[in-house]
Amino acid sequence: MSDLTFYTHPMSRGRIIRWMLEEVGAPYDTRIIGFDSDMKAGEYKAINPMGKVPAIKHGDVVVTECAAICAYLADAFPEKGLAPPTNHRGLYYRWLFFAAGPLEMGVSNRAMGLVIPEDKYRMAGCGRFEDLMDTLEYAVTQNAFIAGDSFTAADVYVGSHIGWGLQFGSIEKRQAFADYLGRLGQRPAFLRAQEIDDSIIKKMQTA
């Protein structure tokens, strides 16, 4: 039994963390949490009071929220090189939390058909959707990876958002986004993570 436990559902944001865990390469136990009944049950809400997945428990440490989990795992396993040196983390933090804040908000609003009134853009953390997409394109075109020349945990998080957004039409189709995903999509850890979660989904559908 590992001291690292992963709480997830294969059709959720847990896929981000599955990828991150495969990049880390440390052994971990997976607990599949069913929507609604399991997620809102007292046992799991002791892990995450929001009643949402994913979450991890590493020894006695519980971490929720995908960006936080990615950053935590990069720091917990420094030998994997998934975070830049502490004095070179400007871009890493910038784009990790850009994706967790403005990008998540703007893309979610768009997916739900929510339109921010013209006179309320200054109040909204995501700003205008057009500016959001231009900023995201800027982020993925300045370097080979989001924080420089090396792949980091921020690429797991930002790349996952772009992949989902393109798949479901909530992010504009731009060549820069496709090119960036092309640099990420053949990573062995990404492919393993996809295979694992897709296999779990098939088993759930045939059970």
N, C-alpha and C. Protein backbone atom coordinates (compact mmCIF):
# COMPACT_ATOMS: atom_id res chain seq x y z
N MET A 1 0.84 -1.20 0.00
CA MET A 1 0.00 0.00 0.00
C MET A 1 0.88 1.26 0.00
N SER A 2 0.61 2.18 -0.91
CA SER A 2 1.39 3.39 -1.04
C SER A 2 0.95 4.44 -0.02
N ASP A 3 1.86 5.37 0.29
CA ASP A 3 1.46 6.48 1.16
C ASP A 3 0.85 7.62 0.36
N LEU A 4 0.64 7.40 -0.94
CA LEU A 4 0.04 8.39 -1.82
C LEU A 4 -1.27 7.84 -2.37
N THR A 5 -2.38 8.48 -2.04
CA THR A 5 -3.71 8.04 -2.47
C THR A 5 -4.33 9.10 -3.35
N PHE A 6 -4.90 8.65 -4.46
CA PHE A 6 -5.50 9.52 -5.47
C PHE A 6 -7.00 9.26 -5.51
N TYR A 7 -7.78 10.30 -5.24
CA TYR A 7 -9.24 10.22 -5.26
C TYR A 7 -9.71 10.87 -6.56
N THR A 8 -10.46 10.11 -7.35
CA THR A 8 -10.77 10.62 -8.69
C THR A 8 -12.01 9.97 -9.27
N HIS A 9 -12.39 10.43 -10.42
CA HIS A 9 -13.35 9.80 -11.31
C HIS A 9 -12.78 9.97 -12.71
N PRO A 10 -12.81 8.94 -13.54
CA PRO A 10 -12.13 9.03 -14.85
C PRO A 10 -12.77 10.01 -15.83
N MET A 11 -13.98 10.48 -15.53
CA MET A 11 -14.62 11.48 -16.39
C MET A 11 -14.71 12.81 -15.64
N SER A 12 -13.58 13.23 -15.13
CA SER A 12 -13.52 14.47 -14.36
C SER A 12 -12.17 15.14 -14.54
N ARG A 13 -11.97 16.23 -13.85
CA ARG A 13 -10.67 16.89 -13.85
C ARG A 13 -9.58 16.01 -13.23
N GLY A 14 -9.99 14.92 -12.65
CA GLY A 14 -9.02 13.96 -12.14
C GLY A 14 -8.06 13.48 -13.20
N ARG A 15 -8.43 13.58 -14.46
CA ARG A 15 -7.53 13.16 -15.54
C ARG A 15 -6.27 14.03 -15.57
N ILE A 16 -6.41 15.28 -15.14
CA ILE A 16 -5.22 16.14 -15.05
C ILE A 16 -4.23 15.54 -14.07
N ILE A 17 -4.74 15.14 -12.92
CA ILE A 17 -3.86 14.65 -11.85
C ILE A 17 -3.35 13.24 -12.17
N ARG A 18 -4.12 12.45 -12.87
CA ARG A 18 -3.62 11.14 -13.32
C ARG A 18 -2.36 11.36 -14.17
N TRP A 19 -2.44 12.31 -15.08
CA TRP A 19 -1.28 12.62 -15.92
C TRP A 19 -0.10 13.06 -15.06
N MET A 20 -0.37 13.96 -14.12
CA MET A 20 0.70 14.45 -13.25
C MET A 20 1.32 13.32 -12.44
N LEU A 21 0.51 12.43 -11.93
CA LEU A 21 1.03 11.30 -11.15
C LEU A 21 1.88 10.38 -12.02
N GLU A 22 1.49 10.20 -13.26
CA GLU A 22 2.28 9.36 -14.15
C GLU A 22 3.60 10.05 -14.50
N GLU A 23 3.61 11.36 -14.58
CA GLU A 23 4.86 12.08 -14.78
C GLU A 23 5.78 11.91 -13.57
N VAL A 24 5.20 11.95 -12.37
CA VAL A 24 5.98 11.79 -11.15
C VAL A 24 6.57 10.38 -11.06
N GLY A 25 5.75 9.39 -11.41
CA GLY A 25 6.24 8.02 -11.44
C GLY A 25 6.32 7.32 -10.10
N ALA A 26 5.85 7.94 -9.04
CA ALA A 26 5.85 7.29 -7.72
C ALA A 26 4.62 6.39 -7.62
N PRO A 27 4.70 5.30 -6.84
CA PRO A 27 3.53 4.44 -6.68
C PRO A 27 2.39 5.18 -5.97
N TYR A 28 1.18 4.89 -6.39
CA TYR A 28 0.02 5.52 -5.75
C TYR A 28 -1.18 4.58 -5.83
N ASP A 29 -2.07 4.73 -4.87
CA ASP A 29 -3.33 3.98 -4.87
C ASP A 29 -4.43 4.88 -5.43
N THR A 30 -5.32 4.28 -6.21
CA THR A 30 -6.43 5.03 -6.79
C THR A 30 -7.74 4.63 -6.14
N ARG A 31 -8.52 5.60 -5.75
CA ARG A 31 -9.87 5.35 -5.26
C ARG A 31 -10.86 6.09 -6.15
N ILE A 32 -11.70 5.32 -6.83
CA ILE A 32 -12.70 5.90 -7.71
C ILE A 32 -13.89 6.35 -6.86
N ILE A 33 -14.23 7.63 -6.99
CA ILE A 33 -15.32 8.21 -6.22
C ILE A 33 -16.48 8.49 -7.17
N GLY A 34 -17.62 7.87 -6.91
CA GLY A 34 -18.78 8.05 -7.77
C GLY A 34 -19.37 9.44 -7.64
N PHE A 35 -19.93 9.92 -8.73
CA PHE A 35 -20.57 11.24 -8.70
C PHE A 35 -21.74 11.24 -7.72
N ASP A 36 -22.02 12.41 -7.17
CA ASP A 36 -23.16 12.66 -6.30
C ASP A 36 -23.09 11.87 -5.00
N SER A 37 -23.54 10.63 -4.98
CA SER A 37 -23.67 9.91 -3.71
C SER A 37 -22.33 9.74 -3.01
N ASP A 38 -21.31 9.24 -3.72
CA ASP A 38 -20.01 9.03 -3.08
C ASP A 38 -19.31 10.36 -2.78
N MET A 39 -19.35 11.27 -3.75
CA MET A 39 -18.64 12.53 -3.55
C MET A 39 -19.23 13.36 -2.43
N LYS A 40 -20.53 13.23 -2.21
CA LYS A 40 -21.19 14.03 -1.19
C LYS A 40 -21.33 13.28 0.13
N ALA A 41 -20.79 12.06 0.19
CA ALA A 41 -20.88 11.28 1.41
C ALA A 41 -19.88 11.79 2.44
N GLY A 42 -20.18 11.50 3.72
CA GLY A 42 -19.35 12.00 4.80
C GLY A 42 -17.92 11.54 4.74
N GLU A 43 -17.68 10.30 4.30
CA GLU A 43 -16.32 9.77 4.28
C GLU A 43 -15.44 10.57 3.34
N TYR A 44 -15.93 10.83 2.12
CA TYR A 44 -15.10 11.58 1.19
C TYR A 44 -15.09 13.07 1.53
N LYS A 45 -16.18 13.61 2.07
CA LYS A 45 -16.20 15.03 2.40
C LYS A 45 -15.23 15.35 3.53
N ALA A 46 -14.78 14.32 4.25
CA ALA A 46 -13.71 14.55 5.23
C ALA A 46 -12.39 14.84 4.51
N ILE A 47 -12.28 14.36 3.27
CA ILE A 47 -11.11 14.66 2.44
C ILE A 47 -11.29 16.01 1.76
N ASN A 48 -12.43 16.20 1.11
CA ASN A 48 -12.71 17.47 0.44
C ASN A 48 -14.13 17.92 0.76
N PRO A 49 -14.29 18.90 1.63
CA PRO A 49 -15.63 19.36 2.00
C PRO A 49 -16.47 19.85 0.82
N MET A 50 -15.81 20.20 -0.30
CA MET A 50 -16.55 20.60 -1.50
C MET A 50 -17.28 19.42 -2.12
N GLY A 51 -16.87 18.20 -1.78
CA GLY A 51 -17.49 17.03 -2.39
C GLY A 51 -17.20 16.92 -3.86
N LYS A 52 -15.95 17.27 -4.24
CA LYS A 52 -15.54 17.20 -5.64
C LYS A 52 -14.20 16.49 -5.74
N VAL A 53 -13.96 15.87 -6.88
CA VAL A 53 -12.65 15.28 -7.16
C VAL A 53 -11.96 16.17 -8.20
N PRO A 54 -10.63 16.07 -8.27
CA PRO A 54 -9.75 15.13 -7.59
C PRO A 54 -9.24 15.66 -6.25
N ALA A 55 -8.59 14.74 -5.53
CA ALA A 55 -7.86 15.09 -4.32
C ALA A 55 -6.76 14.05 -4.17
N ILE A 56 -5.74 14.40 -3.41
CA ILE A 56 -4.72 13.42 -3.07
C ILE A 56 -4.49 13.47 -1.57
N LYS A 57 -4.02 12.35 -1.04
CA LYS A 57 -3.55 12.29 0.33
C LYS A 57 -2.15 11.69 0.30
N HIS A 58 -1.18 12.45 0.77
CA HIS A 58 0.21 12.02 0.75
C HIS A 58 0.69 11.97 2.20
N GLY A 59 0.75 10.77 2.74
CA GLY A 59 0.98 10.65 4.18
C GLY A 59 -0.19 11.26 4.91
N ASP A 60 0.06 12.29 5.71
CA ASP A 60 -1.02 12.98 6.42
C ASP A 60 -1.47 14.26 5.72
N VAL A 61 -0.90 14.54 4.56
CA VAL A 61 -1.19 15.79 3.85
C VAL A 61 -2.29 15.56 2.82
N VAL A 62 -3.34 16.36 2.89
CA VAL A 62 -4.42 16.32 1.91
C VAL A 62 -4.33 17.57 1.05
N VAL A 63 -4.40 17.38 -0.27
CA VAL A 63 -4.38 18.51 -1.20
C VAL A 63 -5.54 18.36 -2.18
N THR A 64 -6.29 19.43 -2.36
CA THR A 64 -7.35 19.49 -3.37
C THR A 64 -7.02 20.62 -4.33
N GLU A 65 -7.80 20.74 -5.39
CA GLU A 65 -7.65 21.75 -6.45
C GLU A 65 -6.48 21.36 -7.36
N CYS A 66 -6.80 21.22 -8.62
CA CYS A 66 -5.85 20.64 -9.57
C CYS A 66 -4.53 21.39 -9.65
N ALA A 67 -4.57 22.71 -9.73
CA ALA A 67 -3.33 23.46 -9.82
C ALA A 67 -2.48 23.25 -8.58
N ALA A 68 -3.13 23.24 -7.41
CA ALA A 68 -2.41 23.04 -6.16
C ALA A 68 -1.80 21.64 -6.09
N ILE A 69 -2.54 20.65 -6.56
CA ILE A 69 -2.03 19.28 -6.54
C ILE A 69 -0.82 19.15 -7.46
N CYS A 70 -0.91 19.74 -8.65
CA CYS A 70 0.23 19.69 -9.58
C CYS A 70 1.46 20.33 -8.95
N ALA A 71 1.29 21.51 -8.37
CA ALA A 71 2.42 22.21 -7.76
C ALA A 71 2.97 21.41 -6.57
N TYR A 72 2.07 20.84 -5.77
CA TYR A 72 2.51 20.07 -4.61
C TYR A 72 3.33 18.85 -5.04
N LEU A 73 2.83 18.12 -6.00
CA LEU A 73 3.54 16.91 -6.44
C LEU A 73 4.90 17.24 -7.05
N ALA A 74 4.98 18.35 -7.77
CA ALA A 74 6.27 18.75 -8.33
C ALA A 74 7.27 19.03 -7.21
N ASP A 75 6.81 19.64 -6.13
CA ASP A 75 7.69 19.94 -5.00
C ASP A 75 7.98 18.71 -4.15
N ALA A 76 7.00 17.81 -4.05
CA ALA A 76 7.17 16.62 -3.21
C ALA A 76 8.15 15.62 -3.82
N PHE A 77 8.30 15.69 -5.16
CA PHE A 77 9.21 14.77 -5.86
C PHE A 77 10.17 15.60 -6.72
N PRO A 78 11.05 16.38 -6.09
CA PRO A 78 11.90 17.32 -6.83
C PRO A 78 12.85 16.64 -7.81
N GLU A 79 13.16 15.37 -7.55
CA GLU A 79 14.08 14.66 -8.42
C GLU A 79 13.53 14.48 -9.83
N LYS A 80 12.22 14.66 -10.00
CA LYS A 80 11.60 14.51 -11.33
C LYS A 80 11.74 15.76 -12.18
N GLY A 81 12.18 16.87 -11.59
CA GLY A 81 12.40 18.08 -12.36
C GLY A 81 11.15 18.69 -12.96
N LEU A 82 10.02 18.57 -12.26
CA LEU A 82 8.75 19.07 -12.80
C LEU A 82 8.42 20.49 -12.34
N ALA A 83 9.35 21.12 -11.65
CA ALA A 83 9.24 22.54 -11.32
C ALA A 83 10.61 23.17 -11.52
N PRO A 84 10.66 24.41 -12.01
CA PRO A 84 11.96 25.07 -12.17
C PRO A 84 12.60 25.34 -10.81
N PRO A 85 13.87 25.66 -10.78
CA PRO A 85 14.49 26.11 -9.53
C PRO A 85 13.70 27.29 -8.96
N THR A 86 13.69 27.41 -7.64
CA THR A 86 12.83 28.42 -7.00
C THR A 86 13.10 29.83 -7.49
N ASN A 87 14.31 30.14 -7.90
CA ASN A 87 14.61 31.50 -8.37
C ASN A 87 14.32 31.69 -9.86
N HIS A 88 13.69 30.68 -10.48
CA HIS A 88 13.31 30.78 -11.89
C HIS A 88 11.85 30.35 -12.08
N ARG A 89 11.02 30.67 -11.12
CA ARG A 89 9.63 30.21 -11.17
C ARG A 89 8.62 31.28 -11.58
N GLY A 90 9.10 32.40 -12.07
CA GLY A 90 8.16 33.47 -12.44
C GLY A 90 7.14 33.01 -13.46
N LEU A 91 7.61 32.49 -14.60
CA LEU A 91 6.69 32.03 -15.64
C LEU A 91 5.88 30.84 -15.18
N TYR A 92 6.51 29.97 -14.43
CA TYR A 92 5.83 28.77 -13.92
C TYR A 92 4.62 29.15 -13.09
N TYR A 93 4.79 30.01 -12.11
CA TYR A 93 3.66 30.43 -11.29
C TYR A 93 2.68 31.28 -12.07
N ARG A 94 3.21 32.15 -12.92
CA ARG A 94 2.34 33.04 -13.68
C ARG A 94 1.32 32.26 -14.49
N TRP A 95 1.78 31.30 -15.29
CA TRP A 95 0.85 30.62 -16.18
C TRP A 95 0.06 29.52 -15.50
N LEU A 96 0.63 28.92 -14.46
CA LEU A 96 -0.13 27.93 -13.69
C LEU A 96 -1.38 28.57 -13.09
N PHE A 97 -1.19 29.76 -12.49
CA PHE A 97 -2.33 30.40 -11.83
C PHE A 97 -3.17 31.24 -12.78
N PHE A 98 -2.63 31.63 -13.91
CA PHE A 98 -3.46 32.20 -14.97
C PHE A 98 -4.49 31.16 -15.42
N ALA A 99 -4.03 29.93 -15.61
CA ALA A 99 -4.95 28.87 -16.04
C ALA A 99 -5.96 28.52 -14.95
N ALA A 100 -5.52 28.55 -13.69
CA ALA A 100 -6.43 28.21 -12.59
C ALA A 100 -7.44 29.32 -12.31
N GLY A 101 -7.10 30.56 -12.69
CA GLY A 101 -7.98 31.69 -12.41
C GLY A 101 -8.71 32.17 -13.65
N PRO A 102 -8.14 33.15 -14.37
CA PRO A 102 -8.86 33.71 -15.53
C PRO A 102 -9.27 32.70 -16.58
N LEU A 103 -8.36 31.77 -16.94
CA LEU A 103 -8.71 30.83 -18.00
C LEU A 103 -9.86 29.92 -17.59
N GLU A 104 -9.77 29.35 -16.40
CA GLU A 104 -10.85 28.47 -15.91
C GLU A 104 -12.17 29.21 -15.88
N MET A 105 -12.16 30.42 -15.36
CA MET A 105 -13.39 31.20 -15.25
C MET A 105 -13.95 31.55 -16.62
N GLY A 106 -13.09 32.05 -17.50
CA GLY A 106 -13.57 32.48 -18.81
C GLY A 106 -14.10 31.34 -19.66
N VAL A 107 -13.38 30.21 -19.64
CA VAL A 107 -13.80 29.06 -20.42
C VAL A 107 -15.08 28.45 -19.85
N SER A 108 -15.19 28.39 -18.53
CA SER A 108 -16.41 27.86 -17.91
C SER A 108 -17.61 28.75 -18.24
N ASN A 109 -17.42 30.06 -18.16
CA ASN A 109 -18.51 30.98 -18.53
C ASN A 109 -18.98 30.72 -19.95
N ARG A 110 -18.02 30.57 -20.85
CA ARG A 110 -18.36 30.37 -22.26
C ARG A 110 -19.09 29.05 -22.46
N ALA A 111 -18.63 28.00 -21.78
CA ALA A 111 -19.26 26.69 -21.93
C ALA A 111 -20.71 26.70 -21.42
N MET A 112 -20.99 27.53 -20.42
CA MET A 112 -22.34 27.61 -19.85
C MET A 112 -23.20 28.69 -20.50
N GLY A 113 -22.64 29.36 -21.51
CA GLY A 113 -23.39 30.39 -22.20
C GLY A 113 -23.55 31.67 -21.41
N LEU A 114 -22.67 31.89 -20.43
CA LEU A 114 -22.76 33.11 -19.62
C LEU A 114 -21.98 34.23 -20.29
N VAL A 115 -22.61 35.35 -20.45
CA VAL A 115 -22.00 36.51 -21.10
C VAL A 115 -21.84 37.62 -20.08
N ILE A 116 -20.63 38.11 -19.92
CA ILE A 116 -20.38 39.21 -18.99
C ILE A 116 -20.81 40.51 -19.65
N PRO A 117 -21.65 41.30 -19.00
CA PRO A 117 -22.07 42.57 -19.59
C PRO A 117 -20.87 43.46 -19.88
N GLU A 118 -20.99 44.25 -20.92
CA GLU A 118 -19.88 45.10 -21.36
C GLU A 118 -19.34 45.98 -20.23
N ASP A 119 -20.23 46.46 -19.37
CA ASP A 119 -19.78 47.38 -18.32
C ASP A 119 -19.29 46.66 -17.07
N LYS A 120 -19.20 45.31 -17.13
CA LYS A 120 -18.77 44.55 -15.95
C LYS A 120 -17.42 43.84 -16.16
N TYR A 121 -16.77 44.05 -17.31
CA TYR A 121 -15.53 43.34 -17.59
C TYR A 121 -14.44 43.63 -16.56
N ARG A 122 -14.41 44.86 -16.07
CA ARG A 122 -13.37 45.20 -15.10
C ARG A 122 -13.54 44.42 -13.80
N MET A 123 -14.77 44.03 -13.49
CA MET A 123 -15.04 43.28 -12.26
C MET A 123 -14.69 41.80 -12.40
N ALA A 124 -14.67 41.30 -13.62
CA ALA A 124 -14.47 39.87 -13.87
C ALA A 124 -12.99 39.54 -13.96
N GLY A 125 -12.55 38.56 -13.21
CA GLY A 125 -11.15 38.18 -13.23
C GLY A 125 -10.66 37.70 -14.58
N CYS A 126 -11.58 37.18 -15.38
CA CYS A 126 -11.19 36.64 -16.69
C CYS A 126 -11.12 37.71 -17.77
N GLY A 127 -11.75 38.86 -17.54
CA GLY A 127 -11.77 39.89 -18.56
C GLY A 127 -12.53 39.45 -19.81
N ARG A 128 -12.19 40.05 -20.93
CA ARG A 128 -12.83 39.70 -22.20
C ARG A 128 -12.29 38.37 -22.71
N PHE A 129 -13.15 37.58 -23.31
CA PHE A 129 -12.73 36.27 -23.80
C PHE A 129 -11.67 36.43 -24.90
N GLU A 130 -11.80 37.43 -25.73
CA GLU A 130 -10.83 37.64 -26.80
C GLU A 130 -9.44 37.93 -26.23
N ASP A 131 -9.38 38.76 -25.18
CA ASP A 131 -8.11 39.05 -24.53
C ASP A 131 -7.54 37.80 -23.86
N LEU A 132 -8.43 36.99 -23.31
CA LEU A 132 -8.02 35.75 -22.66
C LEU A 132 -7.34 34.82 -23.66
N MET A 133 -7.95 34.65 -24.84
CA MET A 133 -7.37 33.77 -25.85
C MET A 133 -6.05 34.32 -26.39
N ASP A 134 -5.98 35.64 -26.56
CA ASP A 134 -4.73 36.23 -27.03
C ASP A 134 -3.61 36.03 -26.01
N THR A 135 -3.95 36.15 -24.73
CA THR A 135 -2.96 35.95 -23.68
C THR A 135 -2.50 34.50 -23.63
N LEU A 136 -3.44 33.59 -23.79
CA LEU A 136 -3.10 32.17 -23.79
C LEU A 136 -2.19 31.85 -24.98
N GLU A 137 -2.49 32.41 -26.13
CA GLU A 137 -1.64 32.19 -27.30
C GLU A 137 -0.24 32.74 -27.04
N TYR A 138 -0.16 33.91 -26.46
CA TYR A 138 1.14 34.47 -26.10
C TYR A 138 1.90 33.52 -25.18
N ALA A 139 1.21 32.96 -24.21
CA ALA A 139 1.86 32.08 -23.22
C ALA A 139 2.48 30.85 -23.87
N VAL A 140 1.81 30.27 -24.86
CA VAL A 140 2.29 29.01 -25.42
C VAL A 140 3.23 29.19 -26.60
N THR A 141 3.49 30.44 -26.97
CA THR A 141 4.37 30.67 -28.13
C THR A 141 5.70 31.33 -27.77
N GLN A 142 5.92 31.64 -26.50
CA GLN A 142 7.16 32.32 -26.12
C GLN A 142 8.34 31.36 -25.95
N ASN A 143 8.03 30.12 -25.60
CA ASN A 143 9.06 29.11 -25.37
C ASN A 143 8.55 27.76 -25.85
N ALA A 144 9.41 26.76 -25.82
CA ALA A 144 8.97 25.41 -26.21
C ALA A 144 7.88 24.90 -25.26
N PHE A 145 8.02 25.24 -23.97
CA PHE A 145 7.03 24.86 -22.97
C PHE A 145 6.58 26.11 -22.22
N ILE A 146 5.59 25.95 -21.38
CA ILE A 146 4.92 27.12 -20.81
C ILE A 146 5.84 27.95 -19.92
N ALA A 147 6.82 27.31 -19.27
CA ALA A 147 7.69 28.04 -18.34
C ALA A 147 9.13 28.10 -18.83
N GLY A 148 9.36 27.78 -20.10
CA GLY A 148 10.72 27.84 -20.63
C GLY A 148 11.01 26.69 -21.57
N ASP A 149 12.24 26.22 -21.54
CA ASP A 149 12.66 25.16 -22.47
C ASP A 149 12.39 23.75 -21.95
N SER A 150 11.97 23.64 -20.69
CA SER A 150 11.74 22.32 -20.10
C SER A 150 10.27 22.14 -19.71
N PHE A 151 9.79 20.92 -19.85
CA PHE A 151 8.44 20.55 -19.45
C PHE A 151 8.32 20.63 -17.93
N THR A 152 7.19 21.18 -17.44
CA THR A 152 6.95 21.27 -16.00
C THR A 152 5.50 20.91 -15.67
N ALA A 153 5.21 20.90 -14.38
CA ALA A 153 3.84 20.65 -13.93
C ALA A 153 2.86 21.66 -14.50
N ALA A 154 3.33 22.88 -14.78
CA ALA A 154 2.44 23.89 -15.36
C ALA A 154 1.96 23.47 -16.74
N ASP A 155 2.78 22.72 -17.48
CA ASP A 155 2.35 22.22 -18.79
C ASP A 155 1.25 21.18 -18.65
N VAL A 156 1.32 20.37 -17.61
CA VAL A 156 0.25 19.40 -17.37
C VAL A 156 -1.07 20.13 -17.21
N TYR A 157 -1.05 21.18 -16.40
CA TYR A 157 -2.29 21.89 -16.09
C TYR A 157 -2.79 22.73 -17.27
N VAL A 158 -1.91 23.55 -17.81
CA VAL A 158 -2.32 24.40 -18.94
C VAL A 158 -2.68 23.54 -20.16
N GLY A 159 -1.86 22.53 -20.44
CA GLY A 159 -2.13 21.66 -21.57
C GLY A 159 -3.45 20.94 -21.47
N SER A 160 -3.80 20.50 -20.26
CA SER A 160 -5.09 19.83 -20.05
C SER A 160 -6.25 20.77 -20.35
N HIS A 161 -6.15 22.00 -19.88
CA HIS A 161 -7.20 22.98 -20.16
C HIS A 161 -7.36 23.22 -21.66
N ILE A 162 -6.26 23.37 -22.34
CA ILE A 162 -6.34 23.62 -23.79
C ILE A 162 -6.91 22.39 -24.51
N GLY A 163 -6.47 21.20 -24.12
CA GLY A 163 -6.97 19.99 -24.74
C GLY A 163 -8.46 19.84 -24.60
N TRP A 164 -8.97 20.04 -23.39
CA TRP A 164 -10.41 19.95 -23.17
C TRP A 164 -11.15 21.05 -23.90
N GLY A 165 -10.60 22.27 -23.84
CA GLY A 165 -11.28 23.38 -24.48
C GLY A 165 -11.43 23.20 -25.97
N LEU A 166 -10.38 22.68 -26.61
CA LEU A 166 -10.47 22.42 -28.04
C LEU A 166 -11.43 21.28 -28.35
N GLN A 167 -11.42 20.27 -27.50
CA GLN A 167 -12.30 19.12 -27.71
C GLN A 167 -13.77 19.51 -27.62
N PHE A 168 -14.09 20.37 -26.66
CA PHE A 168 -15.50 20.71 -26.42
C PHE A 168 -15.89 22.08 -26.97
N GLY A 169 -14.98 22.74 -27.67
CA GLY A 169 -15.32 23.98 -28.34
C GLY A 169 -15.38 25.20 -27.45
N SER A 170 -14.84 25.12 -26.24
CA SER A 170 -14.87 26.27 -25.34
C SER A 170 -13.59 27.11 -25.42
N ILE A 171 -12.62 26.66 -26.20
CA ILE A 171 -11.41 27.43 -26.50
C ILE A 171 -11.31 27.54 -28.01
N GLU A 172 -10.94 28.71 -28.49
CA GLU A 172 -10.85 28.92 -29.93
C GLU A 172 -9.80 28.00 -30.56
N LYS A 173 -10.08 27.54 -31.75
CA LYS A 173 -9.11 26.74 -32.49
C LYS A 173 -8.08 27.68 -33.10
N ARG A 174 -6.86 27.57 -32.59
CA ARG A 174 -5.75 28.36 -33.11
C ARG A 174 -4.57 27.43 -33.33
N GLN A 175 -3.80 27.69 -34.35
CA GLN A 175 -2.67 26.83 -34.68
C GLN A 175 -1.68 26.77 -33.53
N ALA A 176 -1.51 27.87 -32.83
CA ALA A 176 -0.56 27.89 -31.71
C ALA A 176 -0.96 26.89 -30.63
N PHE A 177 -2.26 26.75 -30.39
CA PHE A 177 -2.72 25.80 -29.39
C PHE A 177 -2.49 24.36 -29.86
N ALA A 178 -2.78 24.11 -31.12
CA ALA A 178 -2.56 22.77 -31.67
C ALA A 178 -1.08 22.40 -31.64
N ASP A 179 -0.22 23.35 -31.97
CA ASP A 179 1.21 23.09 -31.96
C ASP A 179 1.70 22.78 -30.55
N TYR A 180 1.21 23.54 -29.59
CA TYR A 180 1.61 23.32 -28.19
C TYR A 180 1.17 21.93 -27.72
N LEU A 181 -0.07 21.57 -28.02
CA LEU A 181 -0.55 20.24 -27.62
C LEU A 181 0.24 19.14 -28.31
N GLY A 182 0.68 19.40 -29.53
CA GLY A 182 1.49 18.41 -30.24
C GLY A 182 2.79 18.12 -29.51
N ARG A 183 3.33 19.12 -28.82
CA ARG A 183 4.57 18.92 -28.06
C ARG A 183 4.32 18.15 -26.77
N LEU A 184 3.07 18.13 -26.32
CA LEU A 184 2.75 17.45 -25.06
C LEU A 184 2.15 16.06 -25.26
N GLY A 185 1.40 15.91 -26.35
CA GLY A 185 0.54 14.74 -26.51
C GLY A 185 1.24 13.42 -26.69
N GLN A 186 2.53 13.42 -27.00
CA GLN A 186 3.24 12.17 -27.18
C GLN A 186 4.09 11.79 -25.97
N ARG A 187 3.96 12.54 -24.89
CA ARG A 187 4.71 12.19 -23.69
C ARG A 187 4.23 10.83 -23.16
N PRO A 188 5.14 9.92 -22.85
CA PRO A 188 4.73 8.59 -22.37
C PRO A 188 3.79 8.65 -21.17
N ALA A 189 4.04 9.58 -20.24
CA ALA A 189 3.18 9.67 -19.06
C ALA A 189 1.77 10.09 -19.44
N PHE A 190 1.64 10.99 -20.39
CA PHE A 190 0.31 11.41 -20.85
C PHE A 190 -0.42 10.23 -21.47
N LEU A 191 0.26 9.49 -22.33
CA LEU A 191 -0.37 8.35 -23.00
C LEU A 191 -0.76 7.27 -22.00
N ARG A 192 0.09 7.02 -21.01
CA ARG A 192 -0.26 6.04 -19.96
C ARG A 192 -1.49 6.49 -19.20
N ALA A 193 -1.52 7.76 -18.83
CA ALA A 193 -2.65 8.28 -18.05
C ALA A 193 -3.95 8.14 -18.83
N GLN A 194 -3.91 8.48 -20.12
CA GLN A 194 -5.11 8.35 -20.94
C GLN A 194 -5.58 6.90 -21.01
N GLU A 195 -4.63 6.01 -21.18
CA GLU A 195 -4.98 4.58 -21.28
C GLU A 195 -5.59 4.08 -19.99
N ILE A 196 -5.04 4.48 -18.86
CA ILE A 196 -5.56 4.03 -17.57
C ILE A 196 -6.99 4.49 -17.38
N ASP A 197 -7.23 5.80 -17.55
CA ASP A 197 -8.58 6.32 -17.31
C ASP A 197 -9.58 5.82 -18.34
N ASP A 198 -9.17 5.70 -19.59
CA ASP A 198 -10.09 5.17 -20.61
C ASP A 198 -10.46 3.72 -20.30
N SER A 199 -9.50 2.96 -19.79
CA SER A 199 -9.78 1.57 -19.42
C SER A 199 -10.77 1.51 -18.27
N ILE A 200 -10.65 2.39 -17.30
CA ILE A 200 -11.59 2.42 -16.17
C ILE A 200 -12.99 2.76 -16.66
N ILE A 201 -13.08 3.71 -17.57
CA ILE A 201 -14.38 4.09 -18.12
C ILE A 201 -15.04 2.90 -18.81
N LYS A 202 -14.27 2.16 -19.60
CA LYS A 202 -14.83 0.99 -20.31
C LYS A 202 -15.35 -0.04 -19.31
N LYS A 203 -14.61 -0.26 -18.25
CA LYS A 203 -15.05 -1.22 -17.24
C LYS A 203 -16.33 -0.74 -16.55
N MET A 204 -16.43 0.54 -16.31
CA MET A 204 -17.64 1.09 -15.67
C MET A 204 -18.84 0.93 -16.59
N GLN A 205 -18.63 1.12 -17.88
CA GLN A 205 -19.74 1.05 -18.84
C GLN A 205 -20.22 -0.37 -19.07
N THR A 206 -19.35 -1.35 -18.85
CA THR A 206 -19.74 -2.75 -19.08
C THR A 206 -20.10 -3.48 -17.80
N ALA A 207 -19.96 -2.80 -16.67
CA ALA A 207 -20.25 -3.45 -15.38
C ALA A 207 -21.75 -3.70 -15.21
